Every structure is written in C-alpha cells, then in structure tokens.
Amino acid sequence: MNTKTTTSRNGILALNILFAGILAAVCFAPPSDATTLNQQRFQALPGALNGLPSGVVYVMDTTAQELIAIAYDPNQKKLKTLGYRSVSSDAKTVPTN
C-alpha cells in the first residue's frame, strides 16, 4: 500500500475518533436548568426639574421598592443617574400612630 494513502487514512480515522468523542460528550452531558428570577415590575413617571431642559424620568421598581431618577444629557448624549432612594427604608422611618 502507498504510504500517502496510509497516512491519509490514519488522519481521517483519528479525526473521526475525535469527532465521535466530542459528539458523545455533548450527547451525554447533563442538562442544565434555567435559573428563575424574581418577576420585577416597574413604573416610570415623567417629571421636570429646575435647570434641566430635557426633563427627568422617575423609575420605580415596585418589587424591590427602589426609586431612581434619570435624565438625558444632550451634550454627552448619555443618560445620567440623578439619584436613588430605597422606598422601603424611607417607609420604615415614618412614625405610625
């Protein structure tokens, strides 16, 4: 037999064994489960602040009880965070009768 044919056949055989191993690893790998996240709910309210021509948007995460104020900066063409409040911690400080 020709040496070139033997070398080609051995190369193809080695490649097929490699592909069979990869296929077996993929087929017999344990399946992964998707992680579940808390379902978050948001509310957005437009507003205005003195000195801000573009206005402001207040975004409330009702699940985590967090409030954030966001404004658009036209010079930098970016959204800027103006402030953050934890509504739940604010509610705890209110005196109750």
PDB file of N, CA and C in Angstrom:
ATOM      1  N   MET A   1       0.830  -1.154   0.000  1.00  0.00           N
ATOM      2  CA  MET A   1       0.000   0.000   0.000  1.00  0.00           C
ATOM      3  C   MET A   1       0.888   1.235   0.000  1.00  0.00           C
ATOM      4  N   ASN A   2       0.344   2.289  -0.526  1.00  0.00           N
ATOM      5  CA  ASN A   2       1.069   3.538  -0.648  1.00  0.00           C
ATOM      6  C   ASN A   2       1.146   4.222   0.723  1.00  0.00           C
ATOM      7  N   THR A   3       2.298   4.821   1.036  1.00  0.00           N
ATOM      8  CA  THR A   3       2.492   5.498   2.322  1.00  0.00           C
ATOM      9  C   THR A   3       1.574   6.704   2.450  1.00  0.00           C
ATOM     10  N   LYS A   4       1.354   7.410   1.334  1.00  0.00           N
ATOM     11  CA  LYS A   4       0.488   8.587   1.350  1.00  0.00           C
ATOM     12  C   LYS A   4      -0.952   8.189   1.673  1.00  0.00           C
ATOM     13  N   THR A   5      -1.418   7.095   1.126  1.00  0.00           N
ATOM     14  CA  THR A   5      -2.775   6.625   1.375  1.00  0.00           C
ATOM     15  C   THR A   5      -2.932   6.191   2.831  1.00  0.00           C
ATOM     16  N   THR A   6      -1.927   5.511   3.380  1.00  0.00           N
ATOM     17  CA  THR A   6      -1.974   5.059   4.770  1.00  0.00           C
ATOM     18  C   THR A   6      -2.004   6.250   5.725  1.00  0.00           C
ATOM     19  N   THR A   7      -1.201   7.265   5.437  1.00  0.00           N
ATOM     20  CA  THR A   7      -1.168   8.459   6.285  1.00  0.00           C
ATOM     21  C   THR A   7      -2.505   9.190   6.238  1.00  0.00           C
ATOM     22  N   SER A   8      -3.090   9.316   5.046  1.00  0.00           N
ATOM     23  CA  SER A   8      -4.387   9.981   4.913  1.00  0.00           C
ATOM     24  C   SER A   8      -5.469   9.200   5.644  1.00  0.00           C
ATOM     25  N   ARG A   9      -5.440   7.879   5.505  1.00  0.00           N
ATOM     26  CA  ARG A   9      -6.438   7.043   6.160  1.00  0.00           C
ATOM     27  C   ARG A   9      -6.304   7.138   7.682  1.00  0.00           C
ATOM     28  N   ASN A  10      -5.087   7.140   8.202  1.00  0.00           N
ATOM     29  CA  ASN A  10      -4.876   7.266   9.647  1.00  0.00           C
ATOM     30  C   ASN A  10      -5.339   8.640  10.152  1.00  0.00           C
ATOM     31  N   GLY A  11      -5.114   9.670   9.362  1.00  0.00           N
ATOM     32  CA  GLY A  11      -5.556  11.013   9.743  1.00  0.00           C
ATOM     33  C   GLY A  11      -7.067  11.113   9.791  1.00  0.00           C
ATOM     34  N   ILE A  12      -7.729  10.553   8.789  1.00  0.00           N
ATOM     35  CA  ILE A  12      -9.196  10.569   8.763  1.00  0.00           C
ATOM     36  C   ILE A  12      -9.753   9.730   9.907  1.00  0.00           C
ATOM     37  N   LEU A  13      -9.130   8.597  10.187  1.00  0.00           N
ATOM     38  CA  LEU A  13      -9.565   7.748  11.291  1.00  0.00           C
ATOM     39  C   LEU A  13      -9.420   8.483  12.633  1.00  0.00           C
ATOM     40  N   ALA A  14      -8.302   9.167  12.828  1.00  0.00           N
ATOM     41  CA  ALA A  14      -8.092   9.921  14.070  1.00  0.00           C
ATOM     42  C   ALA A  14      -9.098  11.067  14.189  1.00  0.00           C
ATOM     43  N   LEU A  15      -9.386  11.728  13.085  1.00  0.00           N
ATOM     44  CA  LEU A  15     -10.352  12.824  13.088  1.00  0.00           C
ATOM     45  C   LEU A  15     -11.755  12.311  13.406  1.00  0.00           C
ATOM     46  N   ASN A  16     -12.120  11.168  12.851  1.00  0.00           N
ATOM     47  CA  ASN A  16     -13.431  10.577  13.142  1.00  0.00           C
ATOM     48  C   ASN A  16     -13.547  10.169  14.611  1.00  0.00           C
ATOM     49  N   ILE A  17     -12.479   9.635  15.179  1.00  0.00           N
ATOM     50  CA  ILE A  17     -12.498   9.270  16.600  1.00  0.00           C
ATOM     51  C   ILE A  17     -12.654  10.522  17.464  1.00  0.00           C
ATOM     52  N   LEU A  18     -11.980  11.599  17.086  1.00  0.00           N
ATOM     53  CA  LEU A  18     -12.101  12.864  17.809  1.00  0.00           C
ATOM     54  C   LEU A  18     -13.529  13.392  17.744  1.00  0.00           C
ATOM     55  N   PHE A  19     -14.116  13.386  16.554  1.00  0.00           N
ATOM     56  CA  PHE A  19     -15.493  13.865  16.397  1.00  0.00           C
ATOM     57  C   PHE A  19     -16.485  12.983  17.156  1.00  0.00           C
ATOM     58  N   ALA A  20     -16.257  11.684  17.175  1.00  0.00           N
ATOM     59  CA  ALA A  20     -17.133  10.779  17.926  1.00  0.00           C
ATOM     60  C   ALA A  20     -17.042  11.068  19.424  1.00  0.00           C
ATOM     61  N   GLY A  21     -15.847  11.376  19.902  1.00  0.00           N
ATOM     62  CA  GLY A  21     -15.681  11.732  21.315  1.00  0.00           C
ATOM     63  C   GLY A  21     -16.386  13.031  21.661  1.00  0.00           C
ATOM     64  N   ILE A  22     -16.286  14.030  20.784  1.00  0.00           N
ATOM     65  CA  ILE A  22     -16.970  15.305  21.010  1.00  0.00           C
ATOM     66  C   ILE A  22     -18.481  15.101  20.997  1.00  0.00           C
ATOM     67  N   LEU A  23     -18.974  14.308  20.051  1.00  0.00           N
ATOM     68  CA  LEU A  23     -20.408  14.033  19.969  1.00  0.00           C
ATOM     69  C   LEU A  23     -20.900  13.316  21.222  1.00  0.00           C
ATOM     70  N   ALA A  24     -20.125  12.358  21.717  1.00  0.00           N
ATOM     71  CA  ALA A  24     -20.515  11.640  22.935  1.00  0.00           C
ATOM     72  C   ALA A  24     -20.530  12.583  24.136  1.00  0.00           C
ATOM     73  N   ALA A  25     -19.559  13.485  24.209  1.00  0.00           N
ATOM     74  CA  ALA A  25     -19.511  14.430  25.330  1.00  0.00           C
ATOM     75  C   ALA A  25     -20.710  15.366  25.310  1.00  0.00           C
ATOM     76  N   VAL A  26     -21.126  15.793  24.131  1.00  0.00           N
ATOM     77  CA  VAL A  26     -22.272  16.694  24.023  1.00  0.00           C
ATOM     78  C   VAL A  26     -23.573  15.953  24.302  1.00  0.00           C
ATOM     79  N   CYS A  27     -23.692  14.747  23.798  1.00  0.00           N
ATOM     80  CA  CYS A  27     -24.943  13.994  23.962  1.00  0.00           C
ATOM     81  C   CYS A  27     -25.161  13.525  25.393  1.00  0.00           C
ATOM     82  N   PHE A  28     -24.107  13.158  26.095  1.00  0.00           N
ATOM     83  CA  PHE A  28     -24.251  12.597  27.430  1.00  0.00           C
ATOM     84  C   PHE A  28     -24.000  13.609  28.542  1.00  0.00           C
ATOM     85  N   ALA A  29     -23.819  14.855  28.194  1.00  0.00           N
ATOM     86  CA  ALA A  29     -23.644  15.896  29.213  1.00  0.00           C
ATOM     87  C   ALA A  29     -24.963  16.103  29.941  1.00  0.00           C
ATOM     88  N   PRO A  30     -24.920  16.341  31.243  1.00  0.00           N
ATOM     89  CA  PRO A  30     -26.178  16.540  31.974  1.00  0.00           C
ATOM     90  C   PRO A  30     -26.844  17.846  31.543  1.00  0.00           C
ATOM     91  N   PRO A  31     -28.163  17.830  31.445  1.00  0.00           N
ATOM     92  CA  PRO A  31     -28.857  19.056  31.031  1.00  0.00           C
ATOM     93  C   PRO A  31     -28.797  20.103  32.139  1.00  0.00           C
ATOM     94  N   SER A  32     -28.818  21.347  31.738  1.00  0.00           N
ATOM     95  CA  SER A  32     -28.815  22.433  32.725  1.00  0.00           C
ATOM     96  C   SER A  32     -30.211  23.030  32.814  1.00  0.00           C
ATOM     97  N   ASP A  33     -30.556  23.475  33.987  1.00  0.00           N
ATOM     98  CA  ASP A  33     -31.855  24.092  34.211  1.00  0.00           C
ATOM     99  C   ASP A  33     -31.706  25.605  34.169  1.00  0.00           C
ATOM    100  N   ALA A  34     -32.714  26.256  33.671  1.00  0.00           N
ATOM    101  CA  ALA A  34     -32.705  27.713  33.636  1.00  0.00           C
ATOM    102  C   ALA A  34     -32.932  28.245  35.043  1.00  0.00           C
ATOM    103  N   THR A  35     -32.276  29.337  35.334  1.00  0.00           N
ATOM    104  CA  THR A  35     -32.482  29.960  36.636  1.00  0.00           C
ATOM    105  C   THR A  35     -33.706  30.859  36.572  1.00  0.00           C
ATOM    106  N   THR A  36     -34.448  30.854  37.629  1.00  0.00           N
ATOM    107  CA  THR A  36     -35.635  31.698  37.672  1.00  0.00           C
ATOM    108  C   THR A  36     -35.310  32.964  38.447  1.00  0.00           C
ATOM    109  N   LEU A  37     -35.765  34.065  37.931  1.00  0.00           N
ATOM    110  CA  LEU A  37     -35.557  35.353  38.564  1.00  0.00           C
ATOM    111  C   LEU A  37     -36.876  35.856  39.124  1.00  0.00           C
ATOM    112  N   ASN A  38     -36.777  36.714  40.104  1.00  0.00           N
ATOM    113  CA  ASN A  38     -37.986  37.333  40.627  1.00  0.00           C
ATOM    114  C   ASN A  38     -38.610  38.191  39.540  1.00  0.00           C
ATOM    115  N   GLN A  39     -39.898  38.146  39.484  1.00  0.00           N
ATOM    116  CA  GLN A  39     -40.600  38.943  38.491  1.00  0.00           C
ATOM    117  C   GLN A  39     -40.658  40.376  38.994  1.00  0.00           C
ATOM    118  N   GLN A  40     -39.972  41.262  38.299  1.00  0.00           N
ATOM    119  CA  GLN A  40     -39.922  42.653  38.721  1.00  0.00           C
ATOM    120  C   GLN A  40     -40.939  43.464  37.946  1.00  0.00           C
ATOM    121  N   ARG A  41     -41.466  44.462  38.610  1.00  0.00           N
ATOM    122  CA  ARG A  41     -42.439  45.353  37.984  1.00  0.00           C
ATOM    123  C   ARG A  41     -41.949  46.778  38.149  1.00  0.00           C
ATOM    124  N   PHE A  42     -42.026  47.517  37.058  1.00  0.00           N
ATOM    125  CA  PHE A  42     -41.525  48.882  37.046  1.00  0.00           C
ATOM    126  C   PHE A  42     -42.635  49.843  36.659  1.00  0.00           C
ATOM    127  N   GLN A  43     -42.544  51.038  37.196  1.00  0.00           N
ATOM    128  CA  GLN A  43     -43.409  52.132  36.783  1.00  0.00           C
ATOM    129  C   GLN A  43     -42.506  53.320  36.497  1.00  0.00           C
ATOM    130  N   ALA A  44     -42.787  54.025  35.400  1.00  0.00           N
ATOM    131  CA  ALA A  44     -41.999  55.198  35.026  1.00  0.00           C
ATOM    132  C   ALA A  44     -42.914  56.409  34.961  1.00  0.00           C
ATOM    133  N   LEU A  45     -42.441  57.506  35.542  1.00  0.00           N
ATOM    134  CA  LEU A  45     -43.205  58.750  35.561  1.00  0.00           C
ATOM    135  C   LEU A  45     -42.329  59.881  35.033  1.00  0.00           C
ATOM    136  N   PRO A  46     -42.834  60.660  34.075  1.00  0.00           N
ATOM    137  CA  PRO A  46     -42.056  61.809  33.602  1.00  0.00           C
ATOM    138  C   PRO A  46     -42.171  62.962  34.591  1.00  0.00           C
ATOM    139  N   GLY A  47     -41.149  63.784  34.617  1.00  0.00           N
ATOM    140  CA  GLY A  47     -41.168  64.935  35.509  1.00  0.00           C
ATOM    141  C   GLY A  47     -40.267  66.031  34.985  1.00  0.00           C
ATOM    142  N   ALA A  48     -40.199  67.101  35.717  1.00  0.00           N
ATOM    143  CA  ALA A  48     -39.359  68.241  35.344  1.00  0.00           C
ATOM    144  C   ALA A  48     -38.617  68.727  36.580  1.00  0.00           C
ATOM    145  N   LEU A  49     -37.394  69.200  36.365  1.00  0.00           N
ATOM    146  CA  LEU A  49     -36.585  69.785  37.424  1.00  0.00           C
ATOM    147  C   LEU A  49     -36.086  71.139  36.955  1.00  0.00           C
ATOM    148  N   ASN A  50     -35.927  72.067  37.878  1.00  0.00           N
ATOM    149  CA  ASN A  50     -35.379  73.372  37.524  1.00  0.00           C
ATOM    150  C   ASN A  50     -33.948  73.214  37.020  1.00  0.00           C
ATOM    151  N   GLY A  51     -33.657  73.828  35.882  1.00  0.00           N
ATOM    152  CA  GLY A  51     -32.312  73.783  35.319  1.00  0.00           C
ATOM    153  C   GLY A  51     -32.057  72.614  34.388  1.00  0.00           C
ATOM    154  N   LEU A  52     -33.007  71.728  34.220  1.00  0.00           N
ATOM    155  CA  LEU A  52     -32.840  70.602  33.296  1.00  0.00           C
ATOM    156  C   LEU A  52     -33.841  70.750  32.155  1.00  0.00           C
ATOM    157  N   PRO A  53     -33.363  71.147  30.971  1.00  0.00           N
ATOM    158  CA  PRO A  53     -34.296  71.336  29.860  1.00  0.00           C
ATOM    159  C   PRO A  53     -34.865  70.027  29.324  1.00  0.00           C
ATOM    160  N   SER A  54     -34.143  68.924  29.520  1.00  0.00           N
ATOM    161  CA  SER A  54     -34.597  67.655  28.949  1.00  0.00           C
ATOM    162  C   SER A  54     -35.610  66.939  29.827  1.00  0.00           C
ATOM    163  N   GLY A  55     -35.789  67.380  31.058  1.00  0.00           N
ATOM    164  CA  GLY A  55     -36.734  66.712  31.949  1.00  0.00           C
ATOM    165  C   GLY A  55     -36.089  65.532  32.648  1.00  0.00           C
ATOM    166  N   VAL A  56     -36.894  64.834  33.399  1.00  0.00           N
ATOM    167  CA  VAL A  56     -36.406  63.713  34.193  1.00  0.00           C
ATOM    168  C   VAL A  56     -37.451  62.597  34.158  1.00  0.00           C
ATOM    169  N   VAL A  57     -36.983  61.375  34.316  1.00  0.00           N
ATOM    170  CA  VAL A  57     -37.876  60.217  34.401  1.00  0.00           C
ATOM    171  C   VAL A  57     -37.606  59.531  35.736  1.00  0.00           C
ATOM    172  N   TYR A  58     -38.676  59.345  36.501  1.00  0.00           N
ATOM    173  CA  TYR A  58     -38.590  58.618  37.761  1.00  0.00           C
ATOM    174  C   TYR A  58     -39.019  57.183  37.489  1.00  0.00           C
ATOM    175  N   VAL A  59     -38.144  56.232  37.815  1.00  0.00           N
ATOM    176  CA  VAL A  59     -38.429  54.813  37.588  1.00  0.00           C
ATOM    177  C   VAL A  59     -38.533  54.138  38.948  1.00  0.00           C
ATOM    178  N   MET A  60     -39.676  53.515  39.192  1.00  0.00           N
ATOM    179  CA  MET A  60     -39.941  52.849  40.467  1.00  0.00           C
ATOM    180  C   MET A  60     -39.985  51.347  40.251  1.00  0.00           C
ATOM    181  N   ASP A  61     -39.125  50.629  40.953  1.00  0.00           N
ATOM    182  CA  ASP A  61     -39.165  49.170  40.971  1.00  0.00           C
ATOM    183  C   ASP A  61     -40.069  48.783  42.135  1.00  0.00           C
ATOM    184  N   THR A  62     -41.295  48.387  41.827  1.00  0.00           N
ATOM    185  CA  THR A  62     -42.268  48.121  42.885  1.00  0.00           C
ATOM    186  C   THR A  62     -41.988  46.814  43.621  1.00  0.00           C
ATOM    187  N   THR A  63     -41.235  45.919  43.021  1.00  0.00           N
ATOM    188  CA  THR A  63     -40.900  44.666  43.690  1.00  0.00           C
ATOM    189  C   THR A  63     -39.826  44.896  44.751  1.00  0.00           C
ATOM    190  N   ALA A  64     -38.757  45.594  44.377  1.00  0.00           N
ATOM    191  CA  ALA A  64     -37.653  45.847  45.307  1.00  0.00           C
ATOM    192  C   ALA A  64     -37.849  47.131  46.104  1.00  0.00           C
ATOM    193  N   GLN A  65     -38.906  47.894  45.788  1.00  0.00           N
ATOM    194  CA  GLN A  65     -39.209  49.149  46.469  1.00  0.00           C
ATOM    195  C   GLN A  65     -38.036  50.128  46.366  1.00  0.00           C
ATOM    196  N   GLU A  66     -37.591  50.366  45.130  1.00  0.00           N
ATOM    197  CA  GLU A  66     -36.492  51.290  44.872  1.00  0.00           C
ATOM    198  C   GLU A  66     -36.930  52.316  43.840  1.00  0.00           C
ATOM    199  N   LEU A  67     -36.443  53.537  44.003  1.00  0.00           N
ATOM    200  CA  LEU A  67     -36.776  54.634  43.101  1.00  0.00           C
ATOM    201  C   LEU A  67     -35.484  55.236  42.576  1.00  0.00           C
ATOM    202  N   ILE A  68     -35.451  55.509  41.270  1.00  0.00           N
ATOM    203  CA  ILE A  68     -34.278  56.112  40.650  1.00  0.00           C
ATOM    204  C   ILE A  68     -34.741  57.239  39.735  1.00  0.00           C
ATOM    205  N   ALA A  69     -33.976  58.311  39.694  1.00  0.00           N
ATOM    206  CA  ALA A  69     -34.270  59.442  38.816  1.00  0.00           C
ATOM    207  C   ALA A  69     -33.209  59.485  37.725  1.00  0.00           C
ATOM    208  N   ILE A  70     -33.663  59.569  36.466  1.00  0.00           N
ATOM    209  CA  ILE A  70     -32.765  59.534  35.306  1.00  0.00           C
ATOM    210  C   ILE A  70     -33.075  60.724  34.414  1.00  0.00           C
ATOM    211  N   ALA A  71     -32.013  61.348  33.882  1.00  0.00           N
ATOM    212  CA  ALA A  71     -32.181  62.456  32.937  1.00  0.00           C
ATOM    213  C   ALA A  71     -31.243  62.238  31.760  1.00  0.00           C
ATOM    214  N   TYR A  72     -31.636  62.767  30.614  1.00  0.00           N
ATOM    215  CA  TYR A  72     -30.815  62.673  29.410  1.00  0.00           C
ATOM    216  C   TYR A  72     -29.951  63.920  29.300  1.00  0.00           C
ATOM    217  N   ASP A  73     -28.647  63.723  29.099  1.00  0.00           N
ATOM    218  CA  ASP A  73     -27.716  64.832  28.898  1.00  0.00           C
ATOM    219  C   ASP A  73     -27.459  64.956  27.399  1.00  0.00           C
ATOM    220  N   PRO A  74     -28.012  65.987  26.730  1.00  0.00           N
ATOM    221  CA  PRO A  74     -27.849  66.094  25.277  1.00  0.00           C
ATOM    222  C   PRO A  74     -26.417  66.413  24.849  1.00  0.00           C
ATOM    223  N   ASN A  75     -25.616  67.016  25.721  1.00  0.00           N
ATOM    224  CA  ASN A  75     -24.228  67.326  25.361  1.00  0.00           C
ATOM    225  C   ASN A  75     -23.385  66.060  25.268  1.00  0.00           C
ATOM    226  N   GLN A  76     -23.553  65.162  26.214  1.00  0.00           N
ATOM    227  CA  GLN A  76     -22.799  63.908  26.208  1.00  0.00           C
ATOM    228  C   GLN A  76     -23.545  62.781  25.510  1.00  0.00           C
ATOM    229  N   LYS A  77     -24.821  63.018  25.212  1.00  0.00           N
ATOM    230  CA  LYS A  77     -25.684  62.011  24.583  1.00  0.00           C
ATOM    231  C   LYS A  77     -25.726  60.730  25.416  1.00  0.00           C
ATOM    232  N   LYS A  78     -25.934  60.921  26.720  1.00  0.00           N
ATOM    233  CA  LYS A  78     -25.985  59.792  27.648  1.00  0.00           C
ATOM    234  C   LYS A  78     -27.083  60.029  28.670  1.00  0.00           C
ATOM    235  N   LEU A  79     -27.553  58.930  29.246  1.00  0.00           N
ATOM    236  CA  LEU A  79     -28.461  59.017  30.385  1.00  0.00           C
ATOM    237  C   LEU A  79     -27.633  59.184  31.653  1.00  0.00           C
ATOM    238  N   LYS A  80     -28.069  60.086  32.520  1.00  0.00           N
ATOM    239  CA  LYS A  80     -27.357  60.320  33.772  1.00  0.00           C
ATOM    240  C   LYS A  80     -28.283  59.975  34.931  1.00  0.00           C
ATOM    241  N   THR A  81     -27.741  59.285  35.900  1.00  0.00           N
ATOM    242  CA  THR A  81     -28.491  58.973  37.106  1.00  0.00           C
ATOM    243  C   THR A  81     -28.419  60.174  38.039  1.00  0.00           C
ATOM    244  N   LEU A  82     -29.566  60.688  38.412  1.00  0.00           N
ATOM    245  CA  LEU A  82     -29.617  61.858  39.284  1.00  0.00           C
ATOM    246  C   LEU A  82     -29.710  61.476  40.751  1.00  0.00           C
ATOM    247  N   GLY A  83     -30.367  60.384  41.043  1.00  0.00           N
ATOM    248  CA  GLY A  83     -30.497  59.987  42.434  1.00  0.00           C
ATOM    249  C   GLY A  83     -31.167  58.642  42.596  1.00  0.00           C
ATOM    250  N   TYR A  84     -31.007  58.081  43.789  1.00  0.00           N
ATOM    251  CA  TYR A  84     -31.549  56.766  44.122  1.00  0.00           C
ATOM    252  C   TYR A  84     -32.114  56.827  45.537  1.00  0.00           C
ATOM    253  N   ARG A  85     -33.234  56.195  45.753  1.00  0.00           N
ATOM    254  CA  ARG A  85     -33.836  56.101  47.082  1.00  0.00           C
ATOM    255  C   ARG A  85     -34.391  54.700  47.285  1.00  0.00           C
ATOM    256  N   SER A  86     -34.213  54.204  48.471  1.00  0.00           N
ATOM    257  CA  SER A  86     -34.860  52.960  48.870  1.00  0.00           C
ATOM    258  C   SER A  86     -36.170  53.337  49.549  1.00  0.00           C
ATOM    259  N   VAL A  87     -37.260  53.097  48.876  1.00  0.00           N
ATOM    260  CA  VAL A  87     -38.570  53.492  49.385  1.00  0.00           C
ATOM    261  C   VAL A  87     -38.932  52.684  50.627  1.00  0.00           C
ATOM    262  N   SER A  88     -38.526  51.433  50.673  1.00  0.00           N
ATOM    263  CA  SER A  88     -38.859  50.605  51.838  1.00  0.00           C
ATOM    264  C   SER A  88     -38.163  51.122  53.095  1.00  0.00           C
ATOM    265  N   SER A  89     -36.906  51.557  52.990  1.00  0.00           N
ATOM    266  CA  SER A  89     -36.227  52.098  54.177  1.00  0.00           C
ATOM    267  C   SER A  89     -36.811  53.451  54.564  1.00  0.00           C
ATOM    268  N   ASP A  90     -37.259  54.241  53.579  1.00  0.00           N
ATOM    269  CA  ASP A  90     -37.924  55.507  53.896  1.00  0.00           C
ATOM    270  C   ASP A  90     -39.247  55.258  54.618  1.00  0.00           C
ATOM    271  N   ALA A  91     -39.971  54.240  54.198  1.00  0.00           N
ATOM    272  CA  ALA A  91     -41.264  53.940  54.814  1.00  0.00           C
ATOM    273  C   ALA A  91     -41.096  53.474  56.260  1.00  0.00           C
ATOM    274  N   LYS A  92     -39.980  52.840  56.568  1.00  0.00           N
ATOM    275  CA  LYS A  92     -39.739  52.370  57.937  1.00  0.00           C
ATOM    276  C   LYS A  92     -39.480  53.530  58.898  1.00  0.00           C
ATOM    277  N   THR A  93     -39.023  54.665  58.375  1.00  0.00           N
ATOM    278  CA  THR A  93     -38.715  55.803  59.243  1.00  0.00           C
ATOM    279  C   THR A  93     -39.935  56.659  59.554  1.00  0.00           C
ATOM    280  N   VAL A  94     -41.049  56.419  58.877  1.00  0.00           N
ATOM    281  CA  VAL A  94     -42.261  57.205  59.112  1.00  0.00           C
ATOM    282  C   VAL A  94     -42.913  56.730  60.405  1.00  0.00           C
ATOM    283  N   PRO A  95     -43.170  57.651  61.330  1.00  0.00           N
ATOM    284  CA  PRO A  95     -43.808  57.220  62.581  1.00  0.00           C
ATOM    285  C   PRO A  95     -45.260  56.815  62.351  1.00  0.00           C
ATOM    286  N   THR A  96     -45.667  55.771  63.026  1.00  0.00           N
ATOM    287  CA  THR A  96     -47.052  55.299  62.919  1.00  0.00           C
ATOM    288  C   THR A  96     -47.758  55.534  64.241  1.00  0.00           C
ATOM    289  N   ASN A  97     -49.039  55.776  64.182  1.00  0.00           N
ATOM    290  CA  ASN A  97     -49.827  56.019  65.403  1.00  0.00           C
ATOM    291  C   ASN A  97     -50.510  54.768  65.851  1.00  0.00           C
TER     292      ASN A  97
END
